[in-house]
Amino acid sequence: MLKTVKNKKGMEMVQVAILVAIAIILGLIFKSEIVEFVNKVFDNLNAGF
C-alpha cells in the first residue's frame, strides 16, 4: 500500500516536470510572437489613458 502511494506521488512529479518542460519549450519557440503580443497589449493600454 505504501509503495503505491509513493509511486503515485512520483508519477505526479514526473507529470508536472513534463508540463513545465513543454511550457518552457513553447515559450522559447514562440518567444518573438509572445513579446510582440505583450508589447501590443501594453501599447493599447497606454493609448487608452
N, C-alpha and C. Protein backbone atom coordinates (compact mmCIF):
# COMPACT_ATOMS: atom_id res chain seq x y z
N MET A 1 0.83 -1.20 0.00
CA MET A 1 0.00 0.00 0.00
C MET A 1 0.87 1.26 0.00
N LEU A 2 1.89 1.31 0.83
CA LEU A 2 2.75 2.49 0.93
C LEU A 2 3.53 2.70 -0.37
N LYS A 3 3.95 1.61 -1.00
CA LYS A 3 4.66 1.74 -2.27
C LYS A 3 3.76 2.36 -3.33
N THR A 4 2.50 2.01 -3.33
CA THR A 4 1.56 2.57 -4.31
C THR A 4 1.42 4.07 -4.12
N VAL A 5 1.33 4.53 -2.90
CA VAL A 5 1.21 5.96 -2.63
C VAL A 5 2.46 6.70 -3.08
N LYS A 6 3.63 6.17 -2.76
CA LYS A 6 4.88 6.81 -3.18
C LYS A 6 4.99 6.82 -4.70
N ASN A 7 4.58 5.74 -5.35
CA ASN A 7 4.65 5.65 -6.80
C ASN A 7 3.75 6.70 -7.45
N LYS A 8 2.56 6.91 -6.90
CA LYS A 8 1.65 7.91 -7.45
C LYS A 8 2.22 9.31 -7.29
N LYS A 9 2.83 9.59 -6.15
CA LYS A 9 3.43 10.91 -5.94
C LYS A 9 4.58 11.13 -6.92
N GLY A 10 5.36 10.09 -7.15
CA GLY A 10 6.46 10.19 -8.10
C GLY A 10 5.96 10.44 -9.50
N MET A 11 4.87 9.76 -9.88
CA MET A 11 4.31 9.96 -11.21
C MET A 11 3.76 11.38 -11.35
N GLU A 12 3.16 11.92 -10.30
CA GLU A 12 2.66 13.29 -10.35
C GLU A 12 3.80 14.28 -10.56
N MET A 13 4.92 14.03 -9.89
CA MET A 13 6.08 14.91 -10.06
C MET A 13 6.61 14.84 -11.48
N VAL A 14 6.63 13.64 -12.05
CA VAL A 14 7.09 13.48 -13.43
C VAL A 14 6.15 14.22 -14.38
N GLN A 15 4.86 14.12 -14.15
CA GLN A 15 3.90 14.81 -15.00
C GLN A 15 4.08 16.32 -14.91
N VAL A 16 4.28 16.83 -13.71
CA VAL A 16 4.49 18.27 -13.53
C VAL A 16 5.77 18.70 -14.25
N ALA A 17 6.82 17.92 -14.11
CA ALA A 17 8.09 18.25 -14.76
C ALA A 17 7.94 18.26 -16.28
N ILE A 18 7.20 17.31 -16.82
CA ILE A 18 6.99 17.26 -18.27
C ILE A 18 6.18 18.48 -18.72
N LEU A 19 5.14 18.84 -17.98
CA LEU A 19 4.34 20.02 -18.35
C LEU A 19 5.16 21.30 -18.28
N VAL A 20 6.00 21.43 -17.27
CA VAL A 20 6.86 22.62 -17.17
C VAL A 20 7.84 22.66 -18.33
N ALA A 21 8.41 21.52 -18.68
CA ALA A 21 9.35 21.46 -19.80
C ALA A 21 8.65 21.85 -21.11
N ILE A 22 7.44 21.36 -21.32
CA ILE A 22 6.69 21.70 -22.53
C ILE A 22 6.40 23.20 -22.56
N ALA A 23 6.02 23.78 -21.43
CA ALA A 23 5.74 25.22 -21.37
C ALA A 23 6.99 26.03 -21.70
N ILE A 24 8.13 25.61 -21.17
CA ILE A 24 9.39 26.33 -21.44
C ILE A 24 9.76 26.22 -22.92
N ILE A 25 9.63 25.04 -23.49
CA ILE A 25 9.96 24.83 -24.90
C ILE A 25 9.06 25.68 -25.79
N LEU A 26 7.75 25.68 -25.50
CA LEU A 26 6.84 26.50 -26.29
C LEU A 26 7.16 27.98 -26.13
N GLY A 27 7.52 28.39 -24.93
CA GLY A 27 7.91 29.77 -24.71
C GLY A 27 9.14 30.16 -25.51
N LEU A 28 10.10 29.27 -25.60
CA LEU A 28 11.30 29.55 -26.39
C LEU A 28 11.00 29.58 -27.88
N ILE A 29 10.14 28.68 -28.33
CA ILE A 29 9.80 28.62 -29.76
C ILE A 29 9.04 29.87 -30.18
N PHE A 30 8.08 30.29 -29.37
CA PHE A 30 7.22 31.41 -29.74
C PHE A 30 7.60 32.70 -29.01
N LYS A 31 8.86 32.83 -28.64
CA LYS A 31 9.29 33.98 -27.85
C LYS A 31 8.99 35.30 -28.55
N SER A 32 9.33 35.42 -29.81
CA SER A 32 9.14 36.69 -30.51
C SER A 32 7.66 37.03 -30.63
N GLU A 33 6.81 36.03 -30.89
CA GLU A 33 5.38 36.28 -31.01
C GLU A 33 4.79 36.71 -29.66
N ILE A 34 5.26 36.09 -28.58
CA ILE A 34 4.77 36.43 -27.25
C ILE A 34 5.18 37.86 -26.89
N VAL A 35 6.42 38.22 -27.15
CA VAL A 35 6.90 39.57 -26.85
C VAL A 35 6.13 40.60 -27.67
N GLU A 36 5.92 40.29 -28.94
CA GLU A 36 5.18 41.21 -29.81
C GLU A 36 3.74 41.40 -29.30
N PHE A 37 3.10 40.32 -28.90
CA PHE A 37 1.73 40.38 -28.39
C PHE A 37 1.66 41.22 -27.11
N VAL A 38 2.59 40.98 -26.19
CA VAL A 38 2.60 41.72 -24.93
C VAL A 38 2.84 43.20 -25.19
N ASN A 39 3.76 43.51 -26.07
CA ASN A 39 4.02 44.91 -26.39
C ASN A 39 2.79 45.58 -27.00
N LYS A 40 2.09 44.87 -27.88
CA LYS A 40 0.87 45.41 -28.48
C LYS A 40 -0.19 45.68 -27.43
N VAL A 41 -0.35 44.74 -26.50
CA VAL A 41 -1.34 44.90 -25.45
C VAL A 41 -1.02 46.12 -24.58
N PHE A 42 0.23 46.28 -24.18
CA PHE A 42 0.60 47.41 -23.34
C PHE A 42 0.51 48.73 -24.11
N ASP A 43 0.84 48.71 -25.41
CA ASP A 43 0.69 49.93 -26.22
C ASP A 43 -0.78 50.35 -26.28
N ASN A 44 -1.66 49.38 -26.46
CA ASN A 44 -3.10 49.68 -26.49
C ASN A 44 -3.59 50.17 -25.14
N LEU A 45 -3.09 49.60 -24.06
CA LEU A 45 -3.48 50.05 -22.73
C LEU A 45 -3.01 51.47 -22.48
N ASN A 46 -1.78 51.77 -22.88
CA ASN A 46 -1.23 53.11 -22.67
C ASN A 46 -1.94 54.13 -23.55
N ALA A 47 -2.38 53.74 -24.73
CA ALA A 47 -3.08 54.66 -25.63
C ALA A 47 -4.45 55.03 -25.07
N GLY A 48 -5.03 54.14 -24.27
CA GLY A 48 -6.34 54.40 -23.70
C GLY A 48 -6.33 55.43 -22.59
N PHE A 49 -5.18 55.70 -22.00
CA PHE A 49 -5.11 56.63 -20.88
C PHE A 49 -4.62 57.95 -21.31
